[in-house]
Amino acid sequence: MPARRKRPAAAHVRRWRVYTTRSGRSPVRDFIANLTDEEAADVAAAMSDVRRDGVRAAKHVAGEIYEVKADSERQTLRILFAQEGARDQVLLALEAFSKKQKRLPRDRIDLAQRRLRDWRSRGR
């Protein structure tokens, strides 16, 4: 009997989702909506790199929080996110901001961690 060929494993498609508060607000979506078209395109390109390459295209920040950086002409934009789902296929954007100093502000990391706990507590 001939040997059976193994099928390649199905690629797990990563997709971005944004954190939404209990009242329905989306701070990350609001932040991006207030950017210029060029800045929003820079953020979208950086997020696309992470969607394609996973966390290899991001920087580990703390615990389960990662950072994706988008350099625009006038400022450096950051998205803090975590991986969710059975196969880490969901990239959950938790916080977005313009970073002016060299160090990542601890309060932004803490906020992202609180939002991740809130998201999970609601079984999203």
N, C-alpha and C. Protein backbone atom coordinates (compact mmCIF):
# COMPACT_ATOMS: atom_id res chain seq x y z
N MET A 1 0.83 -1.17 0.00
CA MET A 1 0.00 0.00 0.00
C MET A 1 0.90 1.25 0.00
N PRO A 2 0.61 2.21 -0.89
CA PRO A 2 1.46 3.40 -0.96
C PRO A 2 1.33 4.25 0.30
N ALA A 3 2.41 4.94 0.61
CA ALA A 3 2.41 5.83 1.78
C ALA A 3 1.46 7.00 1.54
N ARG A 4 0.74 7.36 2.59
CA ARG A 4 -0.19 8.49 2.47
C ARG A 4 0.58 9.79 2.63
N ARG A 5 0.24 10.72 1.81
CA ARG A 5 0.86 12.04 1.90
C ARG A 5 0.14 12.85 2.96
N LYS A 6 0.93 13.51 3.76
CA LYS A 6 0.34 14.38 4.78
C LYS A 6 -0.04 15.70 4.15
N ARG A 7 -1.21 16.18 4.53
CA ARG A 7 -1.62 17.50 4.09
C ARG A 7 -0.90 18.55 4.93
N PRO A 8 -0.53 19.66 4.31
CA PRO A 8 0.07 20.72 5.14
C PRO A 8 -0.94 21.24 6.14
N ALA A 9 -0.44 21.61 7.30
CA ALA A 9 -1.33 22.16 8.33
C ALA A 9 -1.96 23.44 7.82
N ALA A 10 -3.22 23.61 8.13
CA ALA A 10 -3.92 24.83 7.72
C ALA A 10 -3.30 26.03 8.43
N ALA A 11 -3.07 27.05 7.68
CA ALA A 11 -2.52 28.27 8.27
C ALA A 11 -3.60 28.93 9.13
N HIS A 12 -3.19 29.40 10.27
CA HIS A 12 -4.13 30.08 11.15
C HIS A 12 -4.12 31.55 10.79
N VAL A 13 -5.23 32.02 10.33
CA VAL A 13 -5.33 33.40 9.91
C VAL A 13 -5.49 34.29 11.13
N ARG A 14 -4.58 35.23 11.27
CA ARG A 14 -4.68 36.19 12.37
C ARG A 14 -5.58 37.34 11.93
N ARG A 15 -6.32 37.88 12.90
CA ARG A 15 -7.15 39.03 12.58
C ARG A 15 -7.13 39.98 13.77
N TRP A 16 -7.24 41.25 13.46
CA TRP A 16 -7.27 42.28 14.50
C TRP A 16 -8.68 42.51 14.98
N ARG A 17 -8.81 42.69 16.28
CA ARG A 17 -10.04 43.16 16.90
C ARG A 17 -9.64 44.27 17.84
N VAL A 18 -10.56 45.15 18.14
CA VAL A 18 -10.25 46.25 19.06
C VAL A 18 -11.06 46.09 20.34
N TYR A 19 -10.43 46.45 21.44
CA TYR A 19 -11.09 46.42 22.74
C TYR A 19 -12.26 47.39 22.72
N THR A 20 -13.37 46.95 23.26
CA THR A 20 -14.57 47.77 23.41
C THR A 20 -14.98 47.76 24.88
N THR A 21 -15.27 48.94 25.42
CA THR A 21 -15.68 49.03 26.82
C THR A 21 -17.07 48.44 27.00
N ARG A 22 -17.47 48.29 28.24
CA ARG A 22 -18.82 47.79 28.53
C ARG A 22 -19.89 48.70 27.95
N SER A 23 -19.59 50.00 27.87
CA SER A 23 -20.58 50.95 27.33
C SER A 23 -20.52 51.05 25.80
N GLY A 24 -19.61 50.30 25.18
CA GLY A 24 -19.55 50.28 23.72
C GLY A 24 -18.51 51.21 23.10
N ARG A 25 -17.76 51.93 23.92
CA ARG A 25 -16.71 52.79 23.38
C ARG A 25 -15.53 51.95 22.91
N SER A 26 -14.82 52.48 21.93
CA SER A 26 -13.62 51.81 21.42
C SER A 26 -12.47 52.81 21.39
N PRO A 27 -11.70 52.90 22.47
CA PRO A 27 -10.64 53.90 22.55
C PRO A 27 -9.61 53.79 21.43
N VAL A 28 -9.25 52.60 21.02
CA VAL A 28 -8.26 52.44 19.95
C VAL A 28 -8.83 52.92 18.62
N ARG A 29 -10.05 52.53 18.33
CA ARG A 29 -10.69 52.97 17.09
C ARG A 29 -10.84 54.50 17.08
N ASP A 30 -11.19 55.08 18.22
CA ASP A 30 -11.31 56.54 18.32
C ASP A 30 -9.97 57.22 18.08
N PHE A 31 -8.91 56.67 18.65
CA PHE A 31 -7.56 57.23 18.46
C PHE A 31 -7.19 57.23 16.98
N ILE A 32 -7.38 56.10 16.33
CA ILE A 32 -7.01 55.98 14.92
C ILE A 32 -7.86 56.91 14.05
N ALA A 33 -9.13 57.07 14.40
CA ALA A 33 -10.02 57.94 13.63
C ALA A 33 -9.57 59.41 13.69
N ASN A 34 -8.85 59.78 14.73
CA ASN A 34 -8.40 61.16 14.87
C ASN A 34 -7.02 61.41 14.26
N LEU A 35 -6.42 60.40 13.65
CA LEU A 35 -5.13 60.57 12.99
C LEU A 35 -5.33 61.12 11.58
N THR A 36 -4.27 61.65 11.01
CA THR A 36 -4.33 62.04 9.60
C THR A 36 -4.42 60.77 8.76
N ASP A 37 -4.79 60.90 7.51
CA ASP A 37 -4.88 59.73 6.63
C ASP A 37 -3.53 59.02 6.52
N GLU A 38 -2.46 59.79 6.44
CA GLU A 38 -1.12 59.21 6.33
C GLU A 38 -0.73 58.45 7.61
N GLU A 39 -1.04 59.05 8.76
CA GLU A 39 -0.72 58.38 10.03
C GLU A 39 -1.54 57.10 10.18
N ALA A 40 -2.81 57.17 9.83
CA ALA A 40 -3.66 55.98 9.90
C ALA A 40 -3.14 54.89 8.97
N ALA A 41 -2.66 55.28 7.80
CA ALA A 41 -2.10 54.30 6.86
C ALA A 41 -0.82 53.68 7.43
N ASP A 42 0.00 54.48 8.13
CA ASP A 42 1.22 53.94 8.76
C ASP A 42 0.86 52.92 9.84
N VAL A 43 -0.16 53.23 10.64
CA VAL A 43 -0.62 52.30 11.68
C VAL A 43 -1.16 51.02 11.05
N ALA A 44 -1.97 51.17 10.01
CA ALA A 44 -2.54 50.00 9.32
C ALA A 44 -1.44 49.11 8.75
N ALA A 45 -0.39 49.71 8.20
CA ALA A 45 0.71 48.92 7.64
C ALA A 45 1.46 48.16 8.74
N ALA A 46 1.69 48.81 9.87
CA ALA A 46 2.38 48.15 10.98
C ALA A 46 1.53 47.01 11.53
N MET A 47 0.22 47.24 11.65
CA MET A 47 -0.68 46.20 12.14
C MET A 47 -0.75 45.04 11.14
N SER A 48 -0.69 45.34 9.87
CA SER A 48 -0.70 44.30 8.84
C SER A 48 0.54 43.42 8.94
N ASP A 49 1.69 44.03 9.26
CA ASP A 49 2.92 43.24 9.44
C ASP A 49 2.74 42.22 10.57
N VAL A 50 2.12 42.66 11.66
CA VAL A 50 1.90 41.75 12.80
C VAL A 50 0.89 40.68 12.42
N ARG A 51 -0.14 41.05 11.68
CA ARG A 51 -1.14 40.05 11.25
C ARG A 51 -0.46 38.98 10.40
N ARG A 52 0.44 39.40 9.53
CA ARG A 52 1.11 38.44 8.65
C ARG A 52 2.18 37.63 9.38
N ASP A 53 3.02 38.31 10.20
CA ASP A 53 4.19 37.66 10.79
C ASP A 53 4.04 37.28 12.26
N GLY A 54 2.93 37.65 12.88
CA GLY A 54 2.74 37.36 14.29
C GLY A 54 3.58 38.26 15.16
N VAL A 55 3.79 37.85 16.39
CA VAL A 55 4.49 38.71 17.36
C VAL A 55 5.96 38.89 17.02
N ARG A 56 6.47 38.16 16.05
CA ARG A 56 7.85 38.41 15.60
C ARG A 56 8.00 39.83 15.07
N ALA A 57 6.89 40.42 14.59
CA ALA A 57 6.91 41.78 14.04
C ALA A 57 6.59 42.82 15.11
N ALA A 58 6.51 42.40 16.36
CA ALA A 58 6.16 43.31 17.45
C ALA A 58 7.23 43.20 18.55
N LYS A 59 7.08 44.03 19.55
CA LYS A 59 7.98 44.01 20.69
C LYS A 59 7.21 43.55 21.92
N HIS A 60 7.78 42.59 22.65
CA HIS A 60 7.16 42.15 23.90
C HIS A 60 7.36 43.24 24.94
N VAL A 61 6.27 43.58 25.65
CA VAL A 61 6.33 44.67 26.63
C VAL A 61 6.31 44.13 28.04
N ALA A 62 5.26 43.37 28.39
CA ALA A 62 5.12 42.83 29.74
C ALA A 62 4.01 41.79 29.73
N GLY A 63 4.24 40.68 30.42
CA GLY A 63 3.20 39.64 30.49
C GLY A 63 2.74 39.24 29.10
N GLU A 64 1.46 39.43 28.83
CA GLU A 64 0.90 39.06 27.54
C GLU A 64 0.77 40.25 26.59
N ILE A 65 1.32 41.38 26.98
CA ILE A 65 1.18 42.62 26.20
C ILE A 65 2.36 42.80 25.25
N TYR A 66 2.03 43.11 24.00
CA TYR A 66 3.02 43.40 22.97
C TYR A 66 2.76 44.80 22.42
N GLU A 67 3.77 45.33 21.75
CA GLU A 67 3.67 46.67 21.19
C GLU A 67 4.00 46.62 19.70
N VAL A 68 3.17 47.27 18.92
CA VAL A 68 3.48 47.47 17.50
C VAL A 68 3.69 48.96 17.32
N LYS A 69 4.75 49.30 16.60
CA LYS A 69 5.16 50.69 16.45
C LYS A 69 4.99 51.11 14.99
N ALA A 70 4.44 52.31 14.80
CA ALA A 70 4.30 52.89 13.48
C ALA A 70 4.94 54.27 13.50
N ASP A 71 5.95 54.45 12.69
CA ASP A 71 6.61 55.74 12.60
C ASP A 71 5.95 56.55 11.48
N SER A 72 5.39 57.68 11.87
CA SER A 72 4.83 58.57 10.86
C SER A 72 5.79 59.75 10.69
N GLU A 73 5.44 60.65 9.82
CA GLU A 73 6.31 61.79 9.56
C GLU A 73 6.48 62.68 10.79
N ARG A 74 5.39 62.86 11.55
CA ARG A 74 5.43 63.80 12.68
C ARG A 74 5.54 63.15 14.05
N GLN A 75 5.19 61.88 14.16
CA GLN A 75 5.17 61.26 15.49
C GLN A 75 5.33 59.75 15.38
N THR A 76 5.60 59.13 16.53
CA THR A 76 5.68 57.68 16.62
C THR A 76 4.42 57.19 17.31
N LEU A 77 3.72 56.31 16.65
CA LEU A 77 2.43 55.81 17.15
C LEU A 77 2.60 54.39 17.65
N ARG A 78 1.91 54.07 18.73
CA ARG A 78 2.02 52.74 19.35
C ARG A 78 0.64 52.14 19.54
N ILE A 79 0.58 50.83 19.33
CA ILE A 79 -0.61 50.05 19.64
C ILE A 79 -0.16 48.94 20.58
N LEU A 80 -0.77 48.87 21.76
CA LEU A 80 -0.51 47.76 22.69
C LEU A 80 -1.60 46.72 22.45
N PHE A 81 -1.19 45.46 22.35
CA PHE A 81 -2.15 44.40 22.04
C PHE A 81 -1.77 43.11 22.74
N ALA A 82 -2.70 42.17 22.72
CA ALA A 82 -2.47 40.83 23.25
C ALA A 82 -3.03 39.83 22.24
N GLN A 83 -2.50 38.63 22.30
CA GLN A 83 -3.01 37.55 21.45
C GLN A 83 -4.13 36.83 22.19
N GLU A 84 -5.17 36.51 21.48
CA GLU A 84 -6.32 35.82 22.07
C GLU A 84 -6.71 34.67 21.16
N GLY A 85 -7.60 33.83 21.65
CA GLY A 85 -8.10 32.72 20.86
C GLY A 85 -7.31 31.45 21.12
N ALA A 86 -7.88 30.35 20.71
CA ALA A 86 -7.28 29.04 20.96
C ALA A 86 -5.89 28.91 20.34
N ARG A 87 -5.69 29.54 19.21
CA ARG A 87 -4.39 29.47 18.53
C ARG A 87 -3.76 30.85 18.38
N ASP A 88 -4.09 31.74 19.29
CA ASP A 88 -3.56 33.12 19.27
C ASP A 88 -3.84 33.82 17.95
N GLN A 89 -4.96 33.48 17.32
CA GLN A 89 -5.26 34.06 16.01
C GLN A 89 -5.90 35.44 16.09
N VAL A 90 -6.37 35.83 17.27
CA VAL A 90 -6.96 37.16 17.44
C VAL A 90 -5.92 38.08 18.05
N LEU A 91 -5.70 39.21 17.40
CA LEU A 91 -4.80 40.23 17.90
C LEU A 91 -5.68 41.35 18.44
N LEU A 92 -5.76 41.44 19.75
CA LEU A 92 -6.68 42.37 20.40
C LEU A 92 -5.98 43.68 20.72
N ALA A 93 -6.32 44.73 19.99
CA ALA A 93 -5.75 46.06 20.22
C ALA A 93 -6.37 46.65 21.48
N LEU A 94 -5.54 46.94 22.46
CA LEU A 94 -6.02 47.37 23.78
C LEU A 94 -5.82 48.86 24.06
N GLU A 95 -4.76 49.43 23.55
CA GLU A 95 -4.44 50.83 23.82
C GLU A 95 -3.64 51.39 22.65
N ALA A 96 -3.87 52.64 22.33
CA ALA A 96 -3.17 53.32 21.25
C ALA A 96 -2.80 54.72 21.70
N PHE A 97 -1.61 55.16 21.33
CA PHE A 97 -1.16 56.48 21.74
C PHE A 97 0.06 56.89 20.93
N SER A 98 0.37 58.16 21.04
CA SER A 98 1.58 58.71 20.44
C SER A 98 2.64 58.73 21.53
N LYS A 99 3.76 58.12 21.24
CA LYS A 99 4.82 58.03 22.23
C LYS A 99 5.85 59.12 21.97
N LYS A 100 6.05 59.94 22.97
CA LYS A 100 6.99 61.04 22.81
C LYS A 100 8.33 60.78 23.51
N GLN A 101 8.30 60.08 24.63
CA GLN A 101 9.54 59.81 25.34
C GLN A 101 10.08 58.43 24.94
N LYS A 102 11.32 58.17 25.34
CA LYS A 102 11.97 56.92 24.95
C LYS A 102 11.35 55.71 25.65
N ARG A 103 11.06 55.85 26.94
CA ARG A 103 10.49 54.72 27.69
C ARG A 103 8.99 54.64 27.51
N LEU A 104 8.49 53.43 27.48
CA LEU A 104 7.05 53.21 27.38
C LEU A 104 6.42 53.51 28.74
N PRO A 105 5.43 54.40 28.79
CA PRO A 105 4.83 54.76 30.09
C PRO A 105 4.18 53.55 30.77
N ARG A 106 4.53 53.35 32.03
CA ARG A 106 3.99 52.22 32.81
C ARG A 106 2.47 52.29 32.90
N ASP A 107 1.90 53.49 32.99
CA ASP A 107 0.45 53.60 33.12
C ASP A 107 -0.26 53.09 31.86
N ARG A 108 0.37 53.19 30.71
CA ARG A 108 -0.22 52.67 29.46
C ARG A 108 -0.22 51.15 29.47
N ILE A 109 0.85 50.56 29.96
CA ILE A 109 0.94 49.10 30.07
C ILE A 109 -0.11 48.59 31.05
N ASP A 110 -0.21 49.26 32.21
CA ASP A 110 -1.20 48.87 33.22
C ASP A 110 -2.62 48.97 32.66
N LEU A 111 -2.90 50.03 31.91
CA LEU A 111 -4.22 50.19 31.30
C LEU A 111 -4.51 49.05 30.32
N ALA A 112 -3.53 48.69 29.51
CA ALA A 112 -3.72 47.58 28.56
C ALA A 112 -4.00 46.28 29.31
N GLN A 113 -3.29 46.04 30.41
CA GLN A 113 -3.51 44.82 31.19
C GLN A 113 -4.90 44.81 31.82
N ARG A 114 -5.36 45.96 32.32
CA ARG A 114 -6.71 46.04 32.89
C ARG A 114 -7.77 45.78 31.81
N ARG A 115 -7.56 46.35 30.65
CA ARG A 115 -8.51 46.14 29.56
C ARG A 115 -8.54 44.68 29.12
N LEU A 116 -7.39 44.03 29.09
CA LEU A 116 -7.35 42.61 28.74
C LEU A 116 -8.12 41.79 29.77
N ARG A 117 -7.93 42.07 31.06
CA ARG A 117 -8.68 41.36 32.11
C ARG A 117 -10.18 41.60 31.95
N ASP A 118 -10.56 42.85 31.69
CA ASP A 118 -11.97 43.19 31.50
C ASP A 118 -12.54 42.43 30.30
N TRP A 119 -11.83 42.41 29.20
CA TRP A 119 -12.26 41.71 27.98
C TRP A 119 -12.53 40.24 28.28
N ARG A 120 -11.58 39.63 28.97
CA ARG A 120 -11.72 38.20 29.29
C ARG A 120 -12.84 37.95 30.28
N SER A 121 -13.03 38.86 31.24
CA SER A 121 -14.09 38.67 32.23
C SER A 121 -15.47 38.69 31.60
N ARG A 122 -15.58 39.36 30.46
CA ARG A 122 -16.87 39.43 29.75
C ARG A 122 -17.00 38.32 28.73
N GLY A 123 -15.99 37.44 28.64
CA GLY A 123 -16.09 36.28 27.76
C GLY A 123 -16.14 36.64 26.29
N ARG A 124 -15.45 37.65 25.91
CA ARG A 124 -15.47 38.10 24.52
C ARG A 124 -14.76 37.11 23.70
